Amino acid sequence: IMTARLTKTCPINCRQRGFITAAGCSKNQKLLQLLIRNAKKEHRELGVVFVGITKGFDTVSHQHILMGLKQKRVDSPNINQIKNMYENIYTYIN
């Protein structure tokens, strides 16, 4: 429900593959193979950069996330819902 609501205000980039229902790595891998094949065929140089964001979600402050939602003009009830999900949360490992 929250994803559907937020997608209206904060559209997801078409290349996004994490945390959504979509073809994952295979689609991006096919795109990379196509780029390499075309570069070889046309005798062009090709630079490829792989960027890994380790633990990106838990290193972004909750305050920064809420501020970003406000800047995207997400309505207050949805921002408050997300804010409530961050308050007084605990993890117990048995």
PDB file of N, CA and C in Angstrom:
ATOM      1  N   ILE A   1       0.836  -1.193   0.000  1.00  0.00           N
ATOM      2  CA  ILE A   1       0.000   0.000   0.000  1.00  0.00           C
ATOM      3  C   ILE A   1       0.875   1.249   0.000  1.00  0.00           C
ATOM      4  N   MET A   2       1.888   1.243   0.890  1.00  0.00           N
ATOM      5  CA  MET A   2       2.765   2.414   0.968  1.00  0.00           C
ATOM      6  C   MET A   2       3.538   2.605  -0.335  1.00  0.00           C
ATOM      7  N   THR A   3       3.983   1.524  -0.937  1.00  0.00           N
ATOM      8  CA  THR A   3       4.719   1.628  -2.200  1.00  0.00           C
ATOM      9  C   THR A   3       3.840   2.246  -3.274  1.00  0.00           C
ATOM     10  N   ALA A   4       2.600   1.800  -3.362  1.00  0.00           N
ATOM     11  CA  ALA A   4       1.677   2.349  -4.361  1.00  0.00           C
ATOM     12  C   ALA A   4       1.456   3.842  -4.132  1.00  0.00           C
ATOM     13  N   ARG A   5       1.304   4.244  -2.891  1.00  0.00           N
ATOM     14  CA  ARG A   5       1.076   5.656  -2.580  1.00  0.00           C
ATOM     15  C   ARG A   5       2.307   6.501  -2.903  1.00  0.00           C
ATOM     16  N   LEU A   6       3.502   6.003  -2.530  1.00  0.00           N
ATOM     17  CA  LEU A   6       4.716   6.779  -2.730  1.00  0.00           C
ATOM     18  C   LEU A   6       5.124   6.840  -4.200  1.00  0.00           C
ATOM     19  N   THR A   7       4.826   5.802  -4.953  1.00  0.00           N
ATOM     20  CA  THR A   7       5.202   5.775  -6.368  1.00  0.00           C
ATOM     21  C   THR A   7       4.526   6.888  -7.148  1.00  0.00           C
ATOM     22  N   LYS A   8       3.337   7.292  -6.728  1.00  0.00           N
ATOM     23  CA  LYS A   8       2.634   8.387  -7.404  1.00  0.00           C
ATOM     24  C   LYS A   8       3.405   9.699  -7.267  1.00  0.00           C
ATOM     25  N   THR A   9       3.970   9.940  -6.085  1.00  0.00           N
ATOM     26  CA  THR A   9       4.675  11.190  -5.821  1.00  0.00           C
ATOM     27  C   THR A   9       6.166  11.087  -6.121  1.00  0.00           C
ATOM     28  N   CYS A  10       6.737   9.930  -5.874  1.00  0.00           N
ATOM     29  CA  CYS A  10       8.174   9.702  -6.060  1.00  0.00           C
ATOM     30  C   CYS A  10       8.372   8.568  -7.058  1.00  0.00           C
ATOM     31  N   PRO A  11       8.262   8.842  -8.349  1.00  0.00           N
ATOM     32  CA  PRO A  11       8.379   7.764  -9.334  1.00  0.00           C
ATOM     33  C   PRO A  11       9.745   7.081  -9.259  1.00  0.00           C
ATOM     34  N   ILE A  12       9.757   5.780  -9.497  1.00  0.00           N
ATOM     35  CA  ILE A  12      10.972   4.982  -9.436  1.00  0.00           C
ATOM     36  C   ILE A  12      11.627   4.991 -10.804  1.00  0.00           C
ATOM     37  N   ASN A  13      12.939   5.152 -10.830  1.00  0.00           N
ATOM     38  CA  ASN A  13      13.689   5.121 -12.080  1.00  0.00           C
ATOM     39  C   ASN A  13      13.481   3.776 -12.762  1.00  0.00           C
ATOM     40  N   CYS A  14      13.357   3.781 -14.078  1.00  0.00           N
ATOM     41  CA  CYS A  14      13.095   2.545 -14.810  1.00  0.00           C
ATOM     42  C   CYS A  14      14.224   1.536 -14.672  1.00  0.00           C
ATOM     43  N   ARG A  15      15.407   1.961 -14.231  1.00  0.00           N
ATOM     44  CA  ARG A  15      16.533   1.044 -14.052  1.00  0.00           C
ATOM     45  C   ARG A  15      16.608   0.473 -12.638  1.00  0.00           C
ATOM     46  N   GLN A  16      15.740   0.933 -11.758  1.00  0.00           N
ATOM     47  CA  GLN A  16      15.719   0.441 -10.377  1.00  0.00           C
ATOM     48  C   GLN A  16      15.366  -1.035 -10.359  1.00  0.00           C
ATOM     49  N   ARG A  17      16.130  -1.838  -9.649  1.00  0.00           N
ATOM     50  CA  ARG A  17      15.868  -3.270  -9.578  1.00  0.00           C
ATOM     51  C   ARG A  17      15.714  -3.769  -8.143  1.00  0.00           C
ATOM     52  N   GLY A  18      16.171  -3.013  -7.172  1.00  0.00           N
ATOM     53  CA  GLY A  18      16.072  -3.468  -5.788  1.00  0.00           C
ATOM     54  C   GLY A  18      14.749  -3.106  -5.159  1.00  0.00           C
ATOM     55  N   PHE A  19      14.230  -3.987  -4.353  1.00  0.00           N
ATOM     56  CA  PHE A  19      13.055  -3.743  -3.523  1.00  0.00           C
ATOM     57  C   PHE A  19      11.762  -3.519  -4.303  1.00  0.00           C
ATOM     58  N   ILE A  20      11.722  -3.980  -5.557  1.00  0.00           N
ATOM     59  CA  ILE A  20      10.495  -3.880  -6.332  1.00  0.00           C
ATOM     60  C   ILE A  20      10.259  -5.205  -7.054  1.00  0.00           C
ATOM     61  N   THR A  21       9.030  -5.402  -7.507  1.00  0.00           N
ATOM     62  CA  THR A  21       8.709  -6.590  -8.283  1.00  0.00           C
ATOM     63  C   THR A  21       9.034  -6.294  -9.735  1.00  0.00           C
ATOM     64  N   ALA A  22      10.157  -6.808 -10.199  1.00  0.00           N
ATOM     65  CA  ALA A  22      10.587  -6.592 -11.584  1.00  0.00           C
ATOM     66  C   ALA A  22      11.678  -7.590 -11.901  1.00  0.00           C
ATOM     67  N   ALA A  23      11.908  -7.760 -13.206  1.00  0.00           N
ATOM     68  CA  ALA A  23      13.032  -8.599 -13.607  1.00  0.00           C
ATOM     69  C   ALA A  23      14.294  -7.975 -13.017  1.00  0.00           C
ATOM     70  N   GLY A  24      15.065  -8.755 -12.355  1.00  0.00           N
ATOM     71  CA  GLY A  24      16.223  -8.223 -11.635  1.00  0.00           C
ATOM     72  C   GLY A  24      17.479  -8.137 -12.461  1.00  0.00           C
ATOM     73  N   CYS A  25      18.503  -8.766 -11.983  1.00  0.00           N
ATOM     74  CA  CYS A  25      19.833  -8.652 -12.575  1.00  0.00           C
ATOM     75  C   CYS A  25      19.877  -9.103 -14.028  1.00  0.00           C
ATOM     76  N   SER A  26      19.071 -10.072 -14.398  1.00  0.00           N
ATOM     77  CA  SER A  26      19.161 -10.608 -15.759  1.00  0.00           C
ATOM     78  C   SER A  26      18.885  -9.535 -16.808  1.00  0.00           C
ATOM     79  N   LYS A  27      17.949  -8.651 -16.547  1.00  0.00           N
ATOM     80  CA  LYS A  27      17.632  -7.589 -17.508  1.00  0.00           C
ATOM     81  C   LYS A  27      18.817  -6.628 -17.658  1.00  0.00           C
ATOM     82  N   ASN A  28      19.412  -6.253 -16.540  1.00  0.00           N
ATOM     83  CA  ASN A  28      20.570  -5.361 -16.596  1.00  0.00           C
ATOM     84  C   ASN A  28      21.770  -6.063 -17.225  1.00  0.00           C
ATOM     85  N   GLN A  29      21.915  -7.362 -16.969  1.00  0.00           N
ATOM     86  CA  GLN A  29      23.013  -8.123 -17.560  1.00  0.00           C
ATOM     87  C   GLN A  29      22.862  -8.182 -19.080  1.00  0.00           C
ATOM     88  N   LYS A  30      21.655  -8.393 -19.562  1.00  0.00           N
ATOM     89  CA  LYS A  30      21.408  -8.421 -21.008  1.00  0.00           C
ATOM     90  C   LYS A  30      21.724  -7.064 -21.641  1.00  0.00           C
ATOM     91  N   LEU A  31      21.372  -6.001 -20.956  1.00  0.00           N
ATOM     92  CA  LEU A  31      21.677  -4.666 -21.453  1.00  0.00           C
ATOM     93  C   LEU A  31      23.185  -4.464 -21.556  1.00  0.00           C
ATOM     94  N   LEU A  32      23.924  -4.886 -20.536  1.00  0.00           N
ATOM     95  CA  LEU A  32      25.378  -4.763 -20.552  1.00  0.00           C
ATOM     96  C   LEU A  32      25.986  -5.578 -21.691  1.00  0.00           C
ATOM     97  N   GLN A  33      25.491  -6.801 -21.884  1.00  0.00           N
ATOM     98  CA  GLN A  33      25.988  -7.634 -22.979  1.00  0.00           C
ATOM     99  C   GLN A  33      25.742  -6.963 -24.328  1.00  0.00           C
ATOM    100  N   LEU A  34      24.577  -6.353 -24.502  1.00  0.00           N
ATOM    101  CA  LEU A  34      24.254  -5.659 -25.745  1.00  0.00           C
ATOM    102  C   LEU A  34      25.197  -4.481 -25.977  1.00  0.00           C
ATOM    103  N   LEU A  35      25.473  -3.728 -24.936  1.00  0.00           N
ATOM    104  CA  LEU A  35      26.389  -2.592 -25.053  1.00  0.00           C
ATOM    105  C   LEU A  35      27.796  -3.054 -25.441  1.00  0.00           C
ATOM    106  N   ILE A  36      28.272  -4.122 -24.808  1.00  0.00           N
ATOM    107  CA  ILE A  36      29.600  -4.651 -25.122  1.00  0.00           C
ATOM    108  C   ILE A  36      29.649  -5.158 -26.559  1.00  0.00           C
ATOM    109  N   ARG A  37      28.628  -5.899 -26.967  1.00  0.00           N
ATOM    110  CA  ARG A  37      28.571  -6.438 -28.333  1.00  0.00           C
ATOM    111  C   ARG A  37      28.593  -5.311 -29.361  1.00  0.00           C
ATOM    112  N   ASN A  38      27.787  -4.268 -29.123  1.00  0.00           N
ATOM    113  CA  ASN A  38      27.748  -3.142 -30.064  1.00  0.00           C
ATOM    114  C   ASN A  38      29.070  -2.390 -30.106  1.00  0.00           C
ATOM    115  N   ALA A  39      29.711  -2.210 -28.960  1.00  0.00           N
ATOM    116  CA  ALA A  39      31.004  -1.520 -28.923  1.00  0.00           C
ATOM    117  C   ALA A  39      32.054  -2.311 -29.706  1.00  0.00           C
ATOM    118  N   LYS A  40      32.051  -3.623 -29.548  1.00  0.00           N
ATOM    119  CA  LYS A  40      32.996  -4.454 -30.302  1.00  0.00           C
ATOM    120  C   LYS A  40      32.705  -4.385 -31.798  1.00  0.00           C
ATOM    121  N   LYS A  41      31.445  -4.483 -32.151  1.00  0.00           N
ATOM    122  CA  LYS A  41      31.031  -4.484 -33.553  1.00  0.00           C
ATOM    123  C   LYS A  41      31.432  -3.185 -34.250  1.00  0.00           C
ATOM    124  N   GLU A  42      31.279  -2.073 -33.530  1.00  0.00           N
ATOM    125  CA  GLU A  42      31.570  -0.754 -34.103  1.00  0.00           C
ATOM    126  C   GLU A  42      32.981  -0.281 -33.778  1.00  0.00           C
ATOM    127  N   HIS A  43      33.792  -1.154 -33.162  1.00  0.00           N
ATOM    128  CA  HIS A  43      35.181  -0.836 -32.793  1.00  0.00           C
ATOM    129  C   HIS A  43      35.254   0.461 -31.980  1.00  0.00           C
ATOM    130  N   ARG A  44      34.382   0.563 -31.012  1.00  0.00           N
ATOM    131  CA  ARG A  44      34.350   1.741 -30.132  1.00  0.00           C
ATOM    132  C   ARG A  44      34.819   1.352 -28.739  1.00  0.00           C
ATOM    133  N   GLU A  45      35.401   2.317 -28.060  1.00  0.00           N
ATOM    134  CA  GLU A  45      35.776   2.097 -26.668  1.00  0.00           C
ATOM    135  C   GLU A  45      34.519   2.133 -25.814  1.00  0.00           C
ATOM    136  N   LEU A  46      34.566   1.388 -24.730  1.00  0.00           N
ATOM    137  CA  LEU A  46      33.425   1.348 -23.817  1.00  0.00           C
ATOM    138  C   LEU A  46      33.951   1.359 -22.391  1.00  0.00           C
ATOM    139  N   GLY A  47      33.481   2.285 -21.622  1.00  0.00           N
ATOM    140  CA  GLY A  47      33.825   2.337 -20.203  1.00  0.00           C
ATOM    141  C   GLY A  47      32.641   1.856 -19.386  1.00  0.00           C
ATOM    142  N   VAL A  48      32.905   0.988 -18.425  1.00  0.00           N
ATOM    143  CA  VAL A  48      31.839   0.448 -17.583  1.00  0.00           C
ATOM    144  C   VAL A  48      32.221   0.691 -16.127  1.00  0.00           C
ATOM    145  N   VAL A  49      31.275   1.192 -15.360  1.00  0.00           N
ATOM    146  CA  VAL A  49      31.491   1.446 -13.934  1.00  0.00           C
ATOM    147  C   VAL A  49      30.443   0.675 -13.155  1.00  0.00           C
ATOM    148  N   PHE A  50      30.873  -0.065 -12.155  1.00  0.00           N
ATOM    149  CA  PHE A  50      29.952  -0.764 -11.270  1.00  0.00           C
ATOM    150  C   PHE A  50      29.983  -0.059  -9.927  1.00  0.00           C
ATOM    151  N   VAL A  51      28.836   0.354  -9.468  1.00  0.00           N
ATOM    152  CA  VAL A  51      28.742   1.076  -8.201  1.00  0.00           C
ATOM    153  C   VAL A  51      27.972   0.217  -7.221  1.00  0.00           C
ATOM    154  N   GLY A  52      28.585  -0.072  -6.101  1.00  0.00           N
ATOM    155  CA  GLY A  52      27.908  -0.831  -5.054  1.00  0.00           C
ATOM    156  C   GLY A  52      27.673   0.057  -3.853  1.00  0.00           C
ATOM    157  N   ILE A  53      26.457   0.097  -3.397  1.00  0.00           N
ATOM    158  CA  ILE A  53      26.142   0.900  -2.218  1.00  0.00           C
ATOM    159  C   ILE A  53      25.867  -0.068  -1.083  1.00  0.00           C
ATOM    160  N   THR A  54      26.885  -0.296  -0.287  1.00  0.00           N
ATOM    161  CA  THR A  54      26.778  -1.246   0.803  1.00  0.00           C
ATOM    162  C   THR A  54      25.975  -0.662   1.951  1.00  0.00           C
ATOM    163  N   LYS A  55      24.967  -1.373   2.340  1.00  0.00           N
ATOM    164  CA  LYS A  55      24.154  -0.990   3.485  1.00  0.00           C
ATOM    165  C   LYS A  55      23.616   0.432   3.353  1.00  0.00           C
ATOM    166  N   GLY A  56      23.250   0.807   2.135  1.00  0.00           N
ATOM    167  CA  GLY A  56      22.776   2.166   1.881  1.00  0.00           C
ATOM    168  C   GLY A  56      21.553   2.540   2.692  1.00  0.00           C
ATOM    169  N   PHE A  57      20.632   1.588   2.872  1.00  0.00           N
ATOM    170  CA  PHE A  57      19.386   1.926   3.558  1.00  0.00           C
ATOM    171  C   PHE A  57      19.621   2.283   5.013  1.00  0.00           C
ATOM    172  N   ASP A  58      20.409   1.474   5.720  1.00  0.00           N
ATOM    173  CA  ASP A  58      20.540   1.731   7.156  1.00  0.00           C
ATOM    174  C   ASP A  58      21.593   2.770   7.486  1.00  0.00           C
ATOM    175  N   THR A  59      22.231   3.385   6.483  1.00  0.00           N
ATOM    176  CA  THR A  59      23.174   4.462   6.767  1.00  0.00           C
ATOM    177  C   THR A  59      22.580   5.836   6.452  1.00  0.00           C
ATOM    178  N   VAL A  60      21.391   5.876   5.891  1.00  0.00           N
ATOM    179  CA  VAL A  60      20.713   7.153   5.633  1.00  0.00           C
ATOM    180  C   VAL A  60      19.879   7.477   6.867  1.00  0.00           C
ATOM    181  N   SER A  61      20.056   8.690   7.375  1.00  0.00           N
ATOM    182  CA  SER A  61      19.317   9.052   8.587  1.00  0.00           C
ATOM    183  C   SER A  61      17.824   9.106   8.301  1.00  0.00           C
ATOM    184  N   HIS A  62      17.053   8.733   9.293  1.00  0.00           N
ATOM    185  CA  HIS A  62      15.598   8.772   9.146  1.00  0.00           C
ATOM    186  C   HIS A  62      15.128  10.194   8.893  1.00  0.00           C
ATOM    187  N   GLN A  63      15.764  11.157   9.542  1.00  0.00           N
ATOM    188  CA  GLN A  63      15.396  12.564   9.362  1.00  0.00           C
ATOM    189  C   GLN A  63      15.597  12.986   7.912  1.00  0.00           C
ATOM    190  N   HIS A  64      16.676  12.501   7.298  1.00  0.00           N
ATOM    191  CA  HIS A  64      16.962  12.841   5.907  1.00  0.00           C
ATOM    192  C   HIS A  64      15.902  12.240   4.971  1.00  0.00           C
ATOM    193  N   ILE A  65      15.473  11.030   5.266  1.00  0.00           N
ATOM    194  CA  ILE A  65      14.416  10.387   4.474  1.00  0.00           C
ATOM    195  C   ILE A  65      13.122  11.197   4.563  1.00  0.00           C
ATOM    196  N   LEU A  66      12.757  11.595   5.766  1.00  0.00           N
ATOM    197  CA  LEU A  66      11.528  12.375   5.962  1.00  0.00           C
ATOM    198  C   LEU A  66      11.609  13.725   5.259  1.00  0.00           C
ATOM    199  N   MET A  67      12.789  14.342   5.313  1.00  0.00           N
ATOM    200  CA  MET A  67      12.987  15.617   4.640  1.00  0.00           C
ATOM    201  C   MET A  67      12.834  15.447   3.122  1.00  0.00           C
ATOM    202  N   GLY A  68      13.379  14.373   2.578  1.00  0.00           N
ATOM    203  CA  GLY A  68      13.252  14.097   1.152  1.00  0.00           C
ATOM    204  C   GLY A  68      11.807  13.893   0.737  1.00  0.00           C
ATOM    205  N   LEU A  69      11.034  13.210   1.580  1.00  0.00           N
ATOM    206  CA  LEU A  69       9.615  13.008   1.291  1.00  0.00           C
ATOM    207  C   LEU A  69       8.862  14.333   1.268  1.00  0.00           C
ATOM    208  N   LYS A  70       9.205  15.226   2.206  1.00  0.00           N
ATOM    209  CA  LYS A  70       8.570  16.549   2.229  1.00  0.00           C
ATOM    210  C   LYS A  70       8.921  17.334   0.972  1.00  0.00           C
ATOM    211  N   GLN A  71      10.191  17.250   0.546  1.00  0.00           N
ATOM    212  CA  GLN A  71      10.613  17.963  -0.662  1.00  0.00           C
ATOM    213  C   GLN A  71       9.900  17.439  -1.899  1.00  0.00           C
ATOM    214  N   LYS A  72       9.555  16.152  -1.899  1.00  0.00           N
ATOM    215  CA  LYS A  72       8.821  15.557  -3.017  1.00  0.00           C
ATOM    216  C   LYS A  72       7.321  15.807  -2.902  1.00  0.00           C
ATOM    217  N   ARG A  73       6.934  16.536  -1.860  1.00  0.00           N
ATOM    218  CA  ARG A  73       5.534  16.891  -1.612  1.00  0.00           C
ATOM    219  C   ARG A  73       4.634  15.681  -1.351  1.00  0.00           C
ATOM    220  N   VAL A  74       5.198  14.697  -0.640  1.00  0.00           N
ATOM    221  CA  VAL A  74       4.368  13.574  -0.190  1.00  0.00           C
ATOM    222  C   VAL A  74       3.455  14.121   0.894  1.00  0.00           C
ATOM    223  N   ASP A  75       2.202  13.721   0.900  1.00  0.00           N
ATOM    224  CA  ASP A  75       1.249  14.285   1.848  1.00  0.00           C
ATOM    225  C   ASP A  75       1.572  13.876   3.291  1.00  0.00           C
ATOM    226  N   SER A  76       1.183  14.744   4.214  1.00  0.00           N
ATOM    227  CA  SER A  76       1.507  14.581   5.639  1.00  0.00           C
ATOM    228  C   SER A  76       1.073  13.245   6.237  1.00  0.00           C
ATOM    229  N   PRO A  77      -0.134  12.737   5.948  1.00  0.00           N
ATOM    230  CA  PRO A  77      -0.511  11.445   6.543  1.00  0.00           C
ATOM    231  C   PRO A  77       0.457  10.312   6.160  1.00  0.00           C
ATOM    232  N   ASN A  78       0.928  10.296   4.919  1.00  0.00           N
ATOM    233  CA  ASN A  78       1.867   9.254   4.514  1.00  0.00           C
ATOM    234  C   ASN A  78       3.238   9.453   5.147  1.00  0.00           C
ATOM    235  N   ILE A  79       3.685  10.698   5.256  1.00  0.00           N
ATOM    236  CA  ILE A  79       4.963  10.974   5.925  1.00  0.00           C
ATOM    237  C   ILE A  79       4.880  10.562   7.388  1.00  0.00           C
ATOM    238  N   ASN A  80       3.765  10.878   8.036  1.00  0.00           N
ATOM    239  CA  ASN A  80       3.593  10.496   9.443  1.00  0.00           C
ATOM    240  C   ASN A  80       3.572   8.981   9.614  1.00  0.00           C
ATOM    241  N   GLN A  81       2.963   8.276   8.666  1.00  0.00           N
ATOM    242  CA  GLN A  81       2.941   6.808   8.709  1.00  0.00           C
ATOM    243  C   GLN A  81       4.365   6.255   8.669  1.00  0.00           C
ATOM    244  N   ILE A  82       5.181   6.797   7.781  1.00  0.00           N
ATOM    245  CA  ILE A  82       6.572   6.345   7.671  1.00  0.00           C
ATOM    246  C   ILE A  82       7.350   6.737   8.915  1.00  0.00           C
ATOM    247  N   LYS A  83       7.127   7.939   9.413  1.00  0.00           N
ATOM    248  CA  LYS A  83       7.798   8.397  10.636  1.00  0.00           C
ATOM    249  C   LYS A  83       7.470   7.469  11.803  1.00  0.00           C
ATOM    250  N   ASN A  84       6.216   7.063  11.908  1.00  0.00           N
ATOM    251  CA  ASN A  84       5.809   6.158  12.988  1.00  0.00           C
ATOM    252  C   ASN A  84       6.477   4.790  12.881  1.00  0.00           C
ATOM    253  N   MET A  85       6.774   4.365  11.656  1.00  0.00           N
ATOM    254  CA  MET A  85       7.441   3.066  11.485  1.00  0.00           C
ATOM    255  C   MET A  85       8.879   3.108  11.992  1.00  0.00           C
ATOM    256  N   TYR A  86       9.481   4.299  12.058  1.00  0.00           N
ATOM    257  CA  TYR A  86      10.860   4.433  12.518  1.00  0.00           C
ATOM    258  C   TYR A  86      10.972   4.650  14.021  1.00  0.00           C
ATOM    259  N   GLU A  87       9.918   5.050  14.673  1.00  0.00           N
ATOM    260  CA  GLU A  87       9.989   5.383  16.100  1.00  0.00           C
ATOM    261  C   GLU A  87       9.880   4.138  16.963  1.00  0.00           C
ATOM    262  N   ASN A  88      10.729   4.085  17.984  1.00  0.00           N
ATOM    263  CA  ASN A  88      10.713   3.011  18.978  1.00  0.00           C
ATOM    264  C   ASN A  88      10.751   1.614  18.360  1.00  0.00           C
ATOM    265  N   ILE A  89      11.634   1.419  17.392  1.00  0.00           N
ATOM    266  CA  ILE A  89      11.771   0.093  16.795  1.00  0.00           C
ATOM    267  C   ILE A  89      12.955  -0.633  17.432  1.00  0.00           C
ATOM    268  N   TYR A  90      12.820  -1.915  17.586  1.00  0.00           N
ATOM    269  CA  TYR A  90      13.857  -2.738  18.206  1.00  0.00           C
ATOM    270  C   TYR A  90      14.004  -4.045  17.435  1.00  0.00           C
ATOM    271  N   THR A  91      15.189  -4.588  17.506  1.00  0.00           N
ATOM    272  CA  THR A  91      15.434  -5.897  16.916  1.00  0.00           C
ATOM    273  C   THR A  91      15.935  -6.814  18.007  1.00  0.00           C
ATOM    274  N   TYR A  92      15.297  -7.975  18.124  1.00  0.00           N
ATOM    275  CA  TYR A  92      15.715  -8.965  19.106  1.00  0.00           C
ATOM    276  C   TYR A  92      16.203 -10.208  18.370  1.00  0.00           C
ATOM    277  N   ILE A  93      17.361 -10.669  18.726  1.00  0.00           N
ATOM    278  CA  ILE A  93      17.901 -11.888  18.122  1.00  0.00           C
ATOM    279  C   ILE A  93      17.977 -12.942  19.195  1.00  0.00           C
ATOM    280  N   ASN A  94      17.280 -14.051  18.984  1.00  0.00           N
ATOM    281  CA  ASN A  94      17.309 -15.160  19.943  1.00  0.00           C
ATOM    282  C   ASN A  94      18.335 -16.194  19.530  1.00  0.00           C
TER     283      ASN A  94
END
